[in-house]
Amino acid sequence: FMNIFLNHGKHEDFQLLSPLTTRLAISPLTLSVYSPVEWKEQSRFYGLHWTQYTERWASGAPVSPGTFGHGGSDGTLAFADPQNNLIALYFTQSRGNNTRSRFMQMVFELVAESGK
């Protein structure tokens, strides 16, 4: 499912969603509710479906621009990084702690290491 959004609505040879729909789903549409000063303090913004993560989300990890995903109430996380053509899925039952942030941080640290 996340791969459809990475591929602008396509799955294999089938256009399942329009490119406009996928762009709106992952664009930071809530950006407009904050002032430019407040933008720098936000760890994420929301599109019509997905969360758009900022560099502040993963506790200093180098989150790639355009990274989007969604987290669940019990700690699960799914995110995609279009820049690195990466999808990461984290399934856990860890309500009340910060394991999903740590998971995202570890993934982006590995991505940064692999680029060296």
PDB file of N, CA and C in Angstrom:
ATOM      1  N   PHE A   1       0.827  -1.201   0.000  1.00  0.00           N
ATOM      2  CA  PHE A   1       0.000   0.000   0.000  1.00  0.00           C
ATOM      3  C   PHE A   1       0.864   1.255   0.000  1.00  0.00           C
ATOM      4  N   MET A   2       1.871   1.280   0.848  1.00  0.00           N
ATOM      5  CA  MET A   2       2.747   2.456   0.889  1.00  0.00           C
ATOM      6  C   MET A   2       3.511   2.627  -0.422  1.00  0.00           C
ATOM      7  N   ASN A   3       3.819   1.521  -1.070  1.00  0.00           N
ATOM      8  CA  ASN A   3       4.529   1.583  -2.343  1.00  0.00           C
ATOM      9  C   ASN A   3       3.710   2.313  -3.410  1.00  0.00           C
ATOM     10  N   ILE A   4       2.392   2.217  -3.325  1.00  0.00           N
ATOM     11  CA  ILE A   4       1.527   2.948  -4.256  1.00  0.00           C
ATOM     12  C   ILE A   4       1.768   4.455  -4.125  1.00  0.00           C
ATOM     13  N   PHE A   5       1.948   4.925  -2.905  1.00  0.00           N
ATOM     14  CA  PHE A   5       2.194   6.354  -2.691  1.00  0.00           C
ATOM     15  C   PHE A   5       3.609   6.748  -3.124  1.00  0.00           C
ATOM     16  N   LEU A   6       4.568   5.847  -2.956  1.00  0.00           N
ATOM     17  CA  LEU A   6       5.920   6.124  -3.448  1.00  0.00           C
ATOM     18  C   LEU A   6       5.948   6.210  -4.965  1.00  0.00           C
ATOM     19  N   ASN A   7       5.056   5.461  -5.621  1.00  0.00           N
ATOM     20  CA  ASN A   7       5.030   5.403  -7.085  1.00  0.00           C
ATOM     21  C   ASN A   7       3.934   6.262  -7.700  1.00  0.00           C
ATOM     22  N   HIS A   8       3.533   7.311  -7.005  1.00  0.00           N
ATOM     23  CA  HIS A   8       2.571   8.293  -7.528  1.00  0.00           C
ATOM     24  C   HIS A   8       1.247   7.654  -7.955  1.00  0.00           C
ATOM     25  N   GLY A   9       0.799   6.669  -7.162  1.00  0.00           N
ATOM     26  CA  GLY A   9      -0.501   6.054  -7.407  1.00  0.00           C
ATOM     27  C   GLY A   9      -0.477   4.788  -8.232  1.00  0.00           C
ATOM     28  N   LYS A  10       0.714   4.375  -8.682  1.00  0.00           N
ATOM     29  CA  LYS A  10       0.811   3.185  -9.538  1.00  0.00           C
ATOM     30  C   LYS A  10       1.218   1.956  -8.734  1.00  0.00           C
ATOM     31  N   HIS A  11       0.671   0.819  -9.149  1.00  0.00           N
ATOM     32  CA  HIS A  11       1.128  -0.489  -8.685  1.00  0.00           C
ATOM     33  C   HIS A  11       1.350  -1.331  -9.923  1.00  0.00           C
ATOM     34  N   GLU A  12       2.609  -1.701 -10.143  1.00  0.00           N
ATOM     35  CA  GLU A  12       3.005  -2.391 -11.365  1.00  0.00           C
ATOM     36  C   GLU A  12       2.534  -1.577 -12.570  1.00  0.00           C
ATOM     37  N   ASP A  13       1.671  -2.125 -13.421  1.00  0.00           N
ATOM     38  CA  ASP A  13       1.213  -1.392 -14.611  1.00  0.00           C
ATOM     39  C   ASP A  13      -0.131  -0.696 -14.408  1.00  0.00           C
ATOM     40  N   PHE A  14      -0.632  -0.698 -13.194  1.00  0.00           N
ATOM     41  CA  PHE A  14      -1.975  -0.163 -12.932  1.00  0.00           C
ATOM     42  C   PHE A  14      -1.906   1.162 -12.184  1.00  0.00           C
ATOM     43  N   GLN A  15      -2.621   2.159 -12.682  1.00  0.00           N
ATOM     44  CA  GLN A  15      -2.745   3.446 -12.012  1.00  0.00           C
ATOM     45  C   GLN A  15      -3.958   3.340 -11.094  1.00  0.00           C
ATOM     46  N   LEU A  16      -3.736   3.109  -9.801  1.00  0.00           N
ATOM     47  CA  LEU A  16      -4.821   2.914  -8.842  1.00  0.00           C
ATOM     48  C   LEU A  16      -5.331   4.219  -8.248  1.00  0.00           C
ATOM     49  N   LEU A  17      -4.431   5.171  -8.057  1.00  0.00           N
ATOM     50  CA  LEU A  17      -4.784   6.496  -7.537  1.00  0.00           C
ATOM     51  C   LEU A  17      -4.161   7.533  -8.472  1.00  0.00           C
ATOM     52  N   SER A  18      -4.806   8.680  -8.569  1.00  0.00           N
ATOM     53  CA  SER A  18      -4.228   9.718  -9.427  1.00  0.00           C
ATOM     54  C   SER A  18      -2.975  10.297  -8.757  1.00  0.00           C
ATOM     55  N   PRO A  19      -2.033  10.787  -9.546  1.00  0.00           N
ATOM     56  CA  PRO A  19      -0.863  11.440  -8.975  1.00  0.00           C
ATOM     57  C   PRO A  19      -1.243  12.616  -8.060  1.00  0.00           C
ATOM     58  N   LEU A  20      -2.302  13.345  -8.408  1.00  0.00           N
ATOM     59  CA  LEU A  20      -2.764  14.447  -7.556  1.00  0.00           C
ATOM     60  C   LEU A  20      -3.209  13.924  -6.191  1.00  0.00           C
ATOM     61  N   THR A  21      -3.957  12.844  -6.169  1.00  0.00           N
ATOM     62  CA  THR A  21      -4.411  12.261  -4.909  1.00  0.00           C
ATOM     63  C   THR A  21      -3.226  11.863  -4.037  1.00  0.00           C
ATOM     64  N   THR A  22      -2.260  11.207  -4.627  1.00  0.00           N
ATOM     65  CA  THR A  22      -1.111  10.784  -3.825  1.00  0.00           C
ATOM     66  C   THR A  22      -0.297  11.981  -3.349  1.00  0.00           C
ATOM     67  N   ARG A  23      -0.171  13.008  -4.187  1.00  0.00           N
ATOM     68  CA  ARG A  23       0.570  14.204  -3.780  1.00  0.00           C
ATOM     69  C   ARG A  23      -0.118  14.896  -2.601  1.00  0.00           C
ATOM     70  N   LEU A  24      -1.449  15.028  -2.648  1.00  0.00           N
ATOM     71  CA  LEU A  24      -2.184  15.655  -1.544  1.00  0.00           C
ATOM     72  C   LEU A  24      -2.122  14.807  -0.272  1.00  0.00           C
ATOM     73  N   ALA A  25      -2.117  13.494  -0.434  1.00  0.00           N
ATOM     74  CA  ALA A  25      -2.093  12.607   0.730  1.00  0.00           C
ATOM     75  C   ALA A  25      -0.800  12.732   1.516  1.00  0.00           C
ATOM     76  N   ILE A  26       0.296  13.043   0.837  1.00  0.00           N
ATOM     77  CA  ILE A  26       1.585  13.103   1.536  1.00  0.00           C
ATOM     78  C   ILE A  26       2.145  14.517   1.669  1.00  0.00           C
ATOM     79  N   SER A  27       1.435  15.524   1.188  1.00  0.00           N
ATOM     80  CA  SER A  27       1.883  16.911   1.321  1.00  0.00           C
ATOM     81  C   SER A  27       1.583  17.437   2.722  1.00  0.00           C
ATOM     82  N   PRO A  28       2.442  18.303   3.253  1.00  0.00           N
ATOM     83  CA  PRO A  28       2.217  18.856   4.592  1.00  0.00           C
ATOM     84  C   PRO A  28       1.143  19.953   4.585  1.00  0.00           C
ATOM     85  N   LEU A  29      -0.111  19.556   4.482  1.00  0.00           N
ATOM     86  CA  LEU A  29      -1.209  20.514   4.337  1.00  0.00           C
ATOM     87  C   LEU A  29      -1.465  21.338   5.601  1.00  0.00           C
ATOM     88  N   THR A  30      -1.116  20.822   6.770  1.00  0.00           N
ATOM     89  CA  THR A  30      -1.341  21.590   8.002  1.00  0.00           C
ATOM     90  C   THR A  30      -0.264  22.652   8.228  1.00  0.00           C
ATOM     91  N   LEU A  31       0.679  22.756   7.333  1.00  0.00           N
ATOM     92  CA  LEU A  31       1.711  23.791   7.422  1.00  0.00           C
ATOM     93  C   LEU A  31       1.081  25.174   7.573  1.00  0.00           C
ATOM     94  N   SER A  32      -0.059  25.389   6.920  1.00  0.00           N
ATOM     95  CA  SER A  32      -0.683  26.716   6.902  1.00  0.00           C
ATOM     96  C   SER A  32      -1.273  27.136   8.243  1.00  0.00           C
ATOM     97  N   VAL A  33      -1.436  26.222   9.191  1.00  0.00           N
ATOM     98  CA  VAL A  33      -2.012  26.606  10.483  1.00  0.00           C
ATOM     99  C   VAL A  33      -0.947  27.136  11.446  1.00  0.00           C
ATOM    100  N   TYR A  34       0.322  27.079  11.036  1.00  0.00           N
ATOM    101  CA  TYR A  34       1.416  27.549  11.879  1.00  0.00           C
ATOM    102  C   TYR A  34       2.077  28.763  11.250  1.00  0.00           C
ATOM    103  N   SER A  35       2.649  29.594  12.082  1.00  0.00           N
ATOM    104  CA  SER A  35       3.442  30.715  11.591  1.00  0.00           C
ATOM    105  C   SER A  35       4.808  30.175  11.159  1.00  0.00           C
ATOM    106  N   PRO A  36       5.542  30.935  10.334  1.00  0.00           N
ATOM    107  CA  PRO A  36       6.884  30.476   9.938  1.00  0.00           C
ATOM    108  C   PRO A  36       7.793  30.197  11.134  1.00  0.00           C
ATOM    109  N   VAL A  37       7.635  30.933  12.207  1.00  0.00           N
ATOM    110  CA  VAL A  37       8.443  30.677  13.412  1.00  0.00           C
ATOM    111  C   VAL A  37       8.060  29.332  14.025  1.00  0.00           C
ATOM    112  N   GLU A  38       6.758  29.020  14.054  1.00  0.00           N
ATOM    113  CA  GLU A  38       6.284  27.749  14.621  1.00  0.00           C
ATOM    114  C   GLU A  38       6.658  26.545  13.760  1.00  0.00           C
ATOM    115  N   TRP A  39       6.837  26.734  12.450  1.00  0.00           N
ATOM    116  CA  TRP A  39       7.219  25.622  11.560  1.00  0.00           C
ATOM    117  C   TRP A  39       8.454  24.914  12.079  1.00  0.00           C
ATOM    118  N   LYS A  40       9.421  25.695  12.537  1.00  0.00           N
ATOM    119  CA  LYS A  40      10.698  25.135  12.984  1.00  0.00           C
ATOM    120  C   LYS A  40      10.561  24.276  14.232  1.00  0.00           C
ATOM    121  N   GLU A  41       9.483  24.462  14.975  1.00  0.00           N
ATOM    122  CA  GLU A  41       9.264  23.713  16.214  1.00  0.00           C
ATOM    123  C   GLU A  41       8.482  22.417  16.002  1.00  0.00           C
ATOM    124  N   GLN A  42       7.884  22.249  14.843  1.00  0.00           N
ATOM    125  CA  GLN A  42       7.013  21.091  14.594  1.00  0.00           C
ATOM    126  C   GLN A  42       7.837  19.865  14.210  1.00  0.00           C
ATOM    127  N   SER A  43       7.411  18.711  14.719  1.00  0.00           N
ATOM    128  CA  SER A  43       8.084  17.465  14.353  1.00  0.00           C
ATOM    129  C   SER A  43       7.384  16.772  13.190  1.00  0.00           C
ATOM    130  N   ARG A  44       6.171  17.225  12.883  1.00  0.00           N
ATOM    131  CA  ARG A  44       5.424  16.628  11.776  1.00  0.00           C
ATOM    132  C   ARG A  44       4.268  17.534  11.367  1.00  0.00           C
ATOM    133  N   PHE A  45       3.817  17.311  10.145  1.00  0.00           N
ATOM    134  CA  PHE A  45       2.638  17.972   9.607  1.00  0.00           C
ATOM    135  C   PHE A  45       1.759  16.879   9.008  1.00  0.00           C
ATOM    136  N   TYR A  46       0.530  17.203   8.697  1.00  0.00           N
ATOM    137  CA  TYR A  46      -0.380  16.190   8.169  1.00  0.00           C
ATOM    138  C   TYR A  46      -0.848  16.545   6.765  1.00  0.00           C
ATOM    139  N   GLY A  47      -0.992  15.509   5.942  1.00  0.00           N
ATOM    140  CA  GLY A  47      -1.605  15.623   4.626  1.00  0.00           C
ATOM    141  C   GLY A  47      -3.025  15.108   4.727  1.00  0.00           C
ATOM    142  N   LEU A  48      -3.591  14.715   3.611  1.00  0.00           N
ATOM    143  CA  LEU A  48      -4.954  14.178   3.637  1.00  0.00           C
ATOM    144  C   LEU A  48      -4.994  12.730   4.115  1.00  0.00           C
ATOM    145  N   HIS A  49      -3.856  12.103   4.244  1.00  0.00           N
ATOM    146  CA  HIS A  49      -3.836  10.725   4.726  1.00  0.00           C
ATOM    147  C   HIS A  49      -2.626  10.437   5.600  1.00  0.00           C
ATOM    148  N   TRP A  50      -1.461  10.882   5.217  1.00  0.00           N
ATOM    149  CA  TRP A  50      -0.217  10.528   5.888  1.00  0.00           C
ATOM    150  C   TRP A  50       0.355  11.695   6.683  1.00  0.00           C
ATOM    151  N   THR A  51       1.198  11.361   7.629  1.00  0.00           N
ATOM    152  CA  THR A  51       1.992  12.337   8.353  1.00  0.00           C
ATOM    153  C   THR A  51       3.237  12.638   7.535  1.00  0.00           C
ATOM    154  N   GLN A  52       3.591  13.911   7.445  1.00  0.00           N
ATOM    155  CA  GLN A  52       4.836  14.326   6.795  1.00  0.00           C
ATOM    156  C   GLN A  52       5.810  14.650   7.926  1.00  0.00           C
ATOM    157  N   TYR A  53       6.885  13.870   8.056  1.00  0.00           N
ATOM    158  CA  TYR A  53       7.829  14.038   9.157  1.00  0.00           C
ATOM    159  C   TYR A  53       8.865  15.101   8.843  1.00  0.00           C
ATOM    160  N   THR A  54       9.305  15.788   9.886  1.00  0.00           N
ATOM    161  CA  THR A  54      10.382  16.765   9.750  1.00  0.00           C
ATOM    162  C   THR A  54      11.624  16.195  10.425  1.00  0.00           C
ATOM    163  N   GLU A  55      12.725  16.885  10.289  1.00  0.00           N
ATOM    164  CA  GLU A  55      13.972  16.432  10.907  1.00  0.00           C
ATOM    165  C   GLU A  55      13.869  16.342  12.428  1.00  0.00           C
ATOM    166  N   ARG A  56      12.948  17.062  13.026  1.00  0.00           N
ATOM    167  CA  ARG A  56      12.793  17.039  14.482  1.00  0.00           C
ATOM    168  C   ARG A  56      12.149  15.751  14.979  1.00  0.00           C
ATOM    169  N   TRP A  57      11.495  14.988  14.119  1.00  0.00           N
ATOM    170  CA  TRP A  57      10.738  13.803  14.558  1.00  0.00           C
ATOM    171  C   TRP A  57      11.616  12.749  15.208  1.00  0.00           C
ATOM    172  N   ALA A  58      12.707  12.393  14.610  1.00  0.00           N
ATOM    173  CA  ALA A  58      13.470  11.218  15.035  1.00  0.00           C
ATOM    174  C   ALA A  58      14.655  11.564  15.917  1.00  0.00           C
ATOM    175  N   SER A  59      14.486  12.517  16.775  1.00  0.00           N
ATOM    176  CA  SER A  59      15.511  12.839  17.776  1.00  0.00           C
ATOM    177  C   SER A  59      16.887  13.083  17.168  1.00  0.00           C
ATOM    178  N   GLY A  60      16.924  13.877  16.138  1.00  0.00           N
ATOM    179  CA  GLY A  60      18.193  14.250  15.546  1.00  0.00           C
ATOM    180  C   GLY A  60      18.658  13.376  14.403  1.00  0.00           C
ATOM    181  N   ALA A  61      17.938  12.311  14.092  1.00  0.00           N
ATOM    182  CA  ALA A  61      18.332  11.475  12.953  1.00  0.00           C
ATOM    183  C   ALA A  61      18.122  12.267  11.663  1.00  0.00           C
ATOM    184  N   PRO A  62      18.927  11.997  10.658  1.00  0.00           N
ATOM    185  CA  PRO A  62      18.805  12.740   9.396  1.00  0.00           C
ATOM    186  C   PRO A  62      17.619  12.254   8.555  1.00  0.00           C
ATOM    187  N   VAL A  63      16.407  12.598   8.969  1.00  0.00           N
ATOM    188  CA  VAL A  63      15.212  12.187   8.234  1.00  0.00           C
ATOM    189  C   VAL A  63      15.220  12.864   6.869  1.00  0.00           C
ATOM    190  N   SER A  64      15.061  12.076   5.830  1.00  0.00           N
ATOM    191  CA  SER A  64      15.077  12.615   4.471  1.00  0.00           C
ATOM    192  C   SER A  64      13.865  13.498   4.219  1.00  0.00           C
ATOM    193  N   PRO A  65      14.042  14.573   3.451  1.00  0.00           N
ATOM    194  CA  PRO A  65      12.895  15.403   3.070  1.00  0.00           C
ATOM    195  C   PRO A  65      11.861  14.554   2.325  1.00  0.00           C
ATOM    196  N   GLY A  66      10.599  14.774   2.625  1.00  0.00           N
ATOM    197  CA  GLY A  66       9.531  14.053   1.953  1.00  0.00           C
ATOM    198  C   GLY A  66       9.115  12.760   2.631  1.00  0.00           C
ATOM    199  N   THR A  67       9.773  12.402   3.737  1.00  0.00           N
ATOM    200  CA  THR A  67       9.418  11.172   4.444  1.00  0.00           C
ATOM    201  C   THR A  67       8.005  11.288   4.996  1.00  0.00           C
ATOM    202  N   PHE A  68       7.196  10.251   4.749  1.00  0.00           N
ATOM    203  CA  PHE A  68       5.813  10.259   5.218  1.00  0.00           C
ATOM    204  C   PHE A  68       5.476   8.909   5.833  1.00  0.00           C
ATOM    205  N   GLY A  69       4.436   8.883   6.653  1.00  0.00           N
ATOM    206  CA  GLY A  69       4.026   7.624   7.266  1.00  0.00           C
ATOM    207  C   GLY A  69       2.862   7.824   8.214  1.00  0.00           C
ATOM    208  N   HIS A  70       2.722   6.851   9.100  1.00  0.00           N
ATOM    209  CA  HIS A  70       1.646   6.900  10.084  1.00  0.00           C
ATOM    210  C   HIS A  70       2.006   5.994  11.246  1.00  0.00           C
ATOM    211  N   GLY A  71       1.698   6.453  12.450  1.00  0.00           N
ATOM    212  CA  GLY A  71       1.925   5.656  13.643  1.00  0.00           C
ATOM    213  C   GLY A  71       0.609   5.290  14.297  1.00  0.00           C
ATOM    214  N   GLY A  72       0.592   4.150  14.968  1.00  0.00           N
ATOM    215  CA  GLY A  72      -0.601   3.691  15.665  1.00  0.00           C
ATOM    216  C   GLY A  72      -0.553   4.009  17.145  1.00  0.00           C
ATOM    217  N   SER A  73      -1.658   3.840  17.822  1.00  0.00           N
ATOM    218  CA  SER A  73      -1.761   4.208  19.236  1.00  0.00           C
ATOM    219  C   SER A  73      -0.900   3.343  20.152  1.00  0.00           C
ATOM    220  N   ASP A  74      -0.538   2.148  19.731  1.00  0.00           N
ATOM    221  CA  ASP A  74       0.253   1.261  20.586  1.00  0.00           C
ATOM    222  C   ASP A  74       1.714   1.175  20.169  1.00  0.00           C
ATOM    223  N   GLY A  75       2.191   2.143  19.394  1.00  0.00           N
ATOM    224  CA  GLY A  75       3.602   2.215  19.070  1.00  0.00           C
ATOM    225  C   GLY A  75       3.983   1.760  17.678  1.00  0.00           C
ATOM    226  N   THR A  76       3.047   1.249  16.894  1.00  0.00           N
ATOM    227  CA  THR A  76       3.394   0.806  15.547  1.00  0.00           C
ATOM    228  C   THR A  76       3.751   2.002  14.664  1.00  0.00           C
ATOM    229  N   LEU A  77       4.483   1.727  13.599  1.00  0.00           N
ATOM    230  CA  LEU A  77       4.894   2.798  12.704  1.00  0.00           C
ATOM    231  C   LEU A  77       5.136   2.225  11.312  1.00  0.00           C
ATOM    232  N   ALA A  78       4.651   2.926  10.318  1.00  0.00           N
ATOM    233  CA  ALA A  78       4.970   2.641   8.921  1.00  0.00           C
ATOM    234  C   ALA A  78       5.400   3.958   8.309  1.00  0.00           C
ATOM    235  N   PHE A  79       6.558   3.965   7.645  1.00  0.00           N
ATOM    236  CA  PHE A  79       6.971   5.199   6.975  1.00  0.00           C
ATOM    237  C   PHE A  79       7.701   4.876   5.685  1.00  0.00           C
ATOM    238  N   ALA A  80       7.696   5.849   4.803  1.00  0.00           N
ATOM    239  CA  ALA A  80       8.360   5.720   3.508  1.00  0.00           C
ATOM    240  C   ALA A  80       9.241   6.938   3.273  1.00  0.00           C
ATOM    241  N   ASP A  81      10.376   6.684   2.700  1.00  0.00           N
ATOM    242  CA  ASP A  81      11.348   7.725   2.370  1.00  0.00           C
ATOM    243  C   ASP A  81      11.525   7.726   0.853  1.00  0.00           C
ATOM    244  N   PRO A  82      10.858   8.651   0.151  1.00  0.00           N
ATOM    245  CA  PRO A  82      10.959   8.686  -1.312  1.00  0.00           C
ATOM    246  C   PRO A  82      12.380   8.917  -1.823  1.00  0.00           C
ATOM    247  N   GLN A  83      13.160   9.672  -1.096  1.00  0.00           N
ATOM    248  CA  GLN A  83      14.519   9.994  -1.532  1.00  0.00           C
ATOM    249  C   GLN A  83      15.386   8.740  -1.632  1.00  0.00           C
ATOM    250  N   ASN A  84      15.180   7.791  -0.717  1.00  0.00           N
ATOM    251  CA  ASN A  84      15.976   6.567  -0.699  1.00  0.00           C
ATOM    252  C   ASN A  84      15.191   5.337  -1.154  1.00  0.00           C
ATOM    253  N   ASN A  85      13.959   5.546  -1.654  1.00  0.00           N
ATOM    254  CA  ASN A  85      13.093   4.454  -2.094  1.00  0.00           C
ATOM    255  C   ASN A  85      12.993   3.368  -1.022  1.00  0.00           C
ATOM    256  N   LEU A  86      12.648   3.797   0.185  1.00  0.00           N
ATOM    257  CA  LEU A  86      12.657   2.941   1.367  1.00  0.00           C
ATOM    258  C   LEU A  86      11.283   2.918   2.016  1.00  0.00           C
ATOM    259  N   ILE A  87      10.850   1.734   2.422  1.00  0.00           N
ATOM    260  CA  ILE A  87       9.651   1.570   3.240  1.00  0.00           C
ATOM    261  C   ILE A  87      10.066   0.821   4.491  1.00  0.00           C
ATOM    262  N   ALA A  88       9.660   1.319   5.652  1.00  0.00           N
ATOM    263  CA  ALA A  88       9.974   0.655   6.916  1.00  0.00           C
ATOM    264  C   ALA A  88       8.682   0.426   7.693  1.00  0.00           C
ATOM    265  N   LEU A  89       8.542  -0.772   8.227  1.00  0.00           N
ATOM    266  CA  LEU A  89       7.367  -1.145   9.018  1.00  0.00           C
ATOM    267  C   LEU A  89       7.834  -1.614  10.386  1.00  0.00           C
ATOM    268  N   TYR A  90       7.202  -1.096  11.433  1.00  0.00           N
ATOM    269  CA  TYR A  90       7.567  -1.429  12.801  1.00  0.00           C
ATOM    270  C   TYR A  90       6.295  -1.822  13.542  1.00  0.00           C
ATOM    271  N   PHE A  91       6.192  -3.093  13.884  1.00  0.00           N
ATOM    272  CA  PHE A  91       5.003  -3.605  14.568  1.00  0.00           C
ATOM    273  C   PHE A  91       5.368  -3.941  16.001  1.00  0.00           C
ATOM    274  N   THR A  92       4.703  -3.285  16.936  1.00  0.00           N
ATOM    275  CA  THR A  92       4.987  -3.485  18.350  1.00  0.00           C
ATOM    276  C   THR A  92       3.744  -3.171  19.165  1.00  0.00           C
ATOM    277  N   GLN A  93       3.745  -3.600  20.378  1.00  0.00           N
ATOM    278  CA  GLN A  93       2.733  -3.192  21.357  1.00  0.00           C
ATOM    279  C   GLN A  93       3.509  -2.519  22.480  1.00  0.00           C
ATOM    280  N   SER A  94       3.758  -1.243  22.336  1.00  0.00           N
ATOM    281  CA  SER A  94       4.616  -0.526  23.282  1.00  0.00           C
ATOM    282  C   SER A  94       4.038   0.839  23.624  1.00  0.00           C
ATOM    283  N   ARG A  95       2.769   0.849  23.962  1.00  0.00           N
ATOM    284  CA  ARG A  95       2.099   2.103  24.305  1.00  0.00           C
ATOM    285  C   ARG A  95       2.819   2.790  25.460  1.00  0.00           C
ATOM    286  N   GLY A  96       2.958   4.096  25.308  1.00  0.00           N
ATOM    287  CA  GLY A  96       3.498   4.893  26.401  1.00  0.00           C
ATOM    288  C   GLY A  96       5.009   5.037  26.410  1.00  0.00           C
ATOM    289  N   ASN A  97       5.702   4.537  25.412  1.00  0.00           N
ATOM    290  CA  ASN A  97       7.143   4.785  25.363  1.00  0.00           C
ATOM    291  C   ASN A  97       7.517   5.279  23.974  1.00  0.00           C
ATOM    292  N   ASN A  98       8.792   5.461  23.746  1.00  0.00           N
ATOM    293  CA  ASN A  98       9.247   6.139  22.538  1.00  0.00           C
ATOM    294  C   ASN A  98       9.969   5.202  21.573  1.00  0.00           C
ATOM    295  N   THR A  99       9.565   3.946  21.487  1.00  0.00           N
ATOM    296  CA  THR A  99      10.310   3.008  20.649  1.00  0.00           C
ATOM    297  C   THR A  99      10.197   3.327  19.166  1.00  0.00           C
ATOM    298  N   ARG A 100       9.065   3.879  18.713  1.00  0.00           N
ATOM    299  CA  ARG A 100       8.952   4.149  17.278  1.00  0.00           C
ATOM    300  C   ARG A 100       9.881   5.272  16.839  1.00  0.00           C
ATOM    301  N   SER A 101      10.082   6.280  17.672  1.00  0.00           N
ATOM    302  CA  SER A 101      11.049   7.334  17.342  1.00  0.00           C
ATOM    303  C   SER A 101      12.454   6.748  17.256  1.00  0.00           C
ATOM    304  N   ARG A 102      12.770   5.880  18.193  1.00  0.00           N
ATOM    305  CA  ARG A 102      14.088   5.244  18.197  1.00  0.00           C
ATOM    306  C   ARG A 102      14.266   4.359  16.963  1.00  0.00           C
ATOM    307  N   PHE A 103      13.211   3.638  16.578  1.00  0.00           N
ATOM    308  CA  PHE A 103      13.276   2.809  15.381  1.00  0.00           C
ATOM    309  C   PHE A 103      13.572   3.672  14.157  1.00  0.00           C
ATOM    310  N   MET A 104      12.837   4.768  13.994  1.00  0.00           N
ATOM    311  CA  MET A 104      13.046   5.650  12.843  1.00  0.00           C
ATOM    312  C   MET A 104      14.464   6.217  12.867  1.00  0.00           C
ATOM    313  N   GLN A 105      14.926   6.595  14.034  1.00  0.00           N
ATOM    314  CA  GLN A 105      16.279   7.127  14.165  1.00  0.00           C
ATOM    315  C   GLN A 105      17.305   6.085  13.719  1.00  0.00           C
ATOM    316  N   MET A 106      17.142   4.849  14.165  1.00  0.00           N
ATOM    317  CA  MET A 106      18.078   3.785  13.788  1.00  0.00           C
ATOM    318  C   MET A 106      18.063   3.531  12.281  1.00  0.00           C
ATOM    319  N   VAL A 107      16.883   3.532  11.669  1.00  0.00           N
ATOM    320  CA  VAL A 107      16.787   3.312  10.220  1.00  0.00           C
ATOM    321  C   VAL A 107      17.549   4.409   9.477  1.00  0.00           C
ATOM    322  N   PHE A 108      17.339   5.671   9.851  1.00  0.00           N
ATOM    323  CA  PHE A 108      18.002   6.758   9.124  1.00  0.00           C
ATOM    324  C   PHE A 108      19.497   6.823   9.424  1.00  0.00           C
ATOM    325  N   GLU A 109      19.912   6.364  10.586  1.00  0.00           N
ATOM    326  CA  GLU A 109      21.341   6.268  10.860  1.00  0.00           C
ATOM    327  C   GLU A 109      21.979   5.226   9.941  1.00  0.00           C
ATOM    328  N   LEU A 110      21.289   4.092   9.732  1.00  0.00           N
ATOM    329  CA  LEU A 110      21.778   3.054   8.818  1.00  0.00           C
ATOM    330  C   LEU A 110      21.816   3.563   7.370  1.00  0.00           C
ATOM    331  N   VAL A 111      20.797   4.326   6.982  1.00  0.00           N
ATOM    332  CA  VAL A 111      20.761   4.893   5.629  1.00  0.00           C
ATOM    333  C   VAL A 111      21.955   5.836   5.449  1.00  0.00           C
ATOM    334  N   ALA A 112      22.212   6.670   6.449  1.00  0.00           N
ATOM    335  CA  ALA A 112      23.343   7.610   6.371  1.00  0.00           C
ATOM    336  C   ALA A 112      24.661   6.849   6.305  1.00  0.00           C
ATOM    337  N   GLU A 113      24.802   5.798   7.073  1.00  0.00           N
ATOM    338  CA  GLU A 113      26.033   4.995   7.064  1.00  0.00           C
ATOM    339  C   GLU A 113      26.242   4.314   5.719  1.00  0.00           C
ATOM    340  N   SER A 114      25.164   3.835   5.109  1.00  0.00           N
ATOM    341  CA  SER A 114      25.306   3.121   3.838  1.00  0.00           C
ATOM    342  C   SER A 114      25.718   4.059   2.701  1.00  0.00           C
ATOM    343  N   GLY A 115      25.465   5.354   2.872  1.00  0.00           N
ATOM    344  CA  GLY A 115      25.820   6.334   1.854  1.00  0.00           C
ATOM    345  C   GLY A 115      27.262   6.801   1.935  1.00  0.00           C
ATOM    346  N   LYS A 116      27.959   6.406   2.970  1.00  0.00           N
ATOM    347  CA  LYS A 116      29.348   6.847   3.157  1.00  0.00           C
ATOM    348  C   LYS A 116      30.322   5.993   2.384  1.00  0.00           C
TER     349      LYS A 116
END
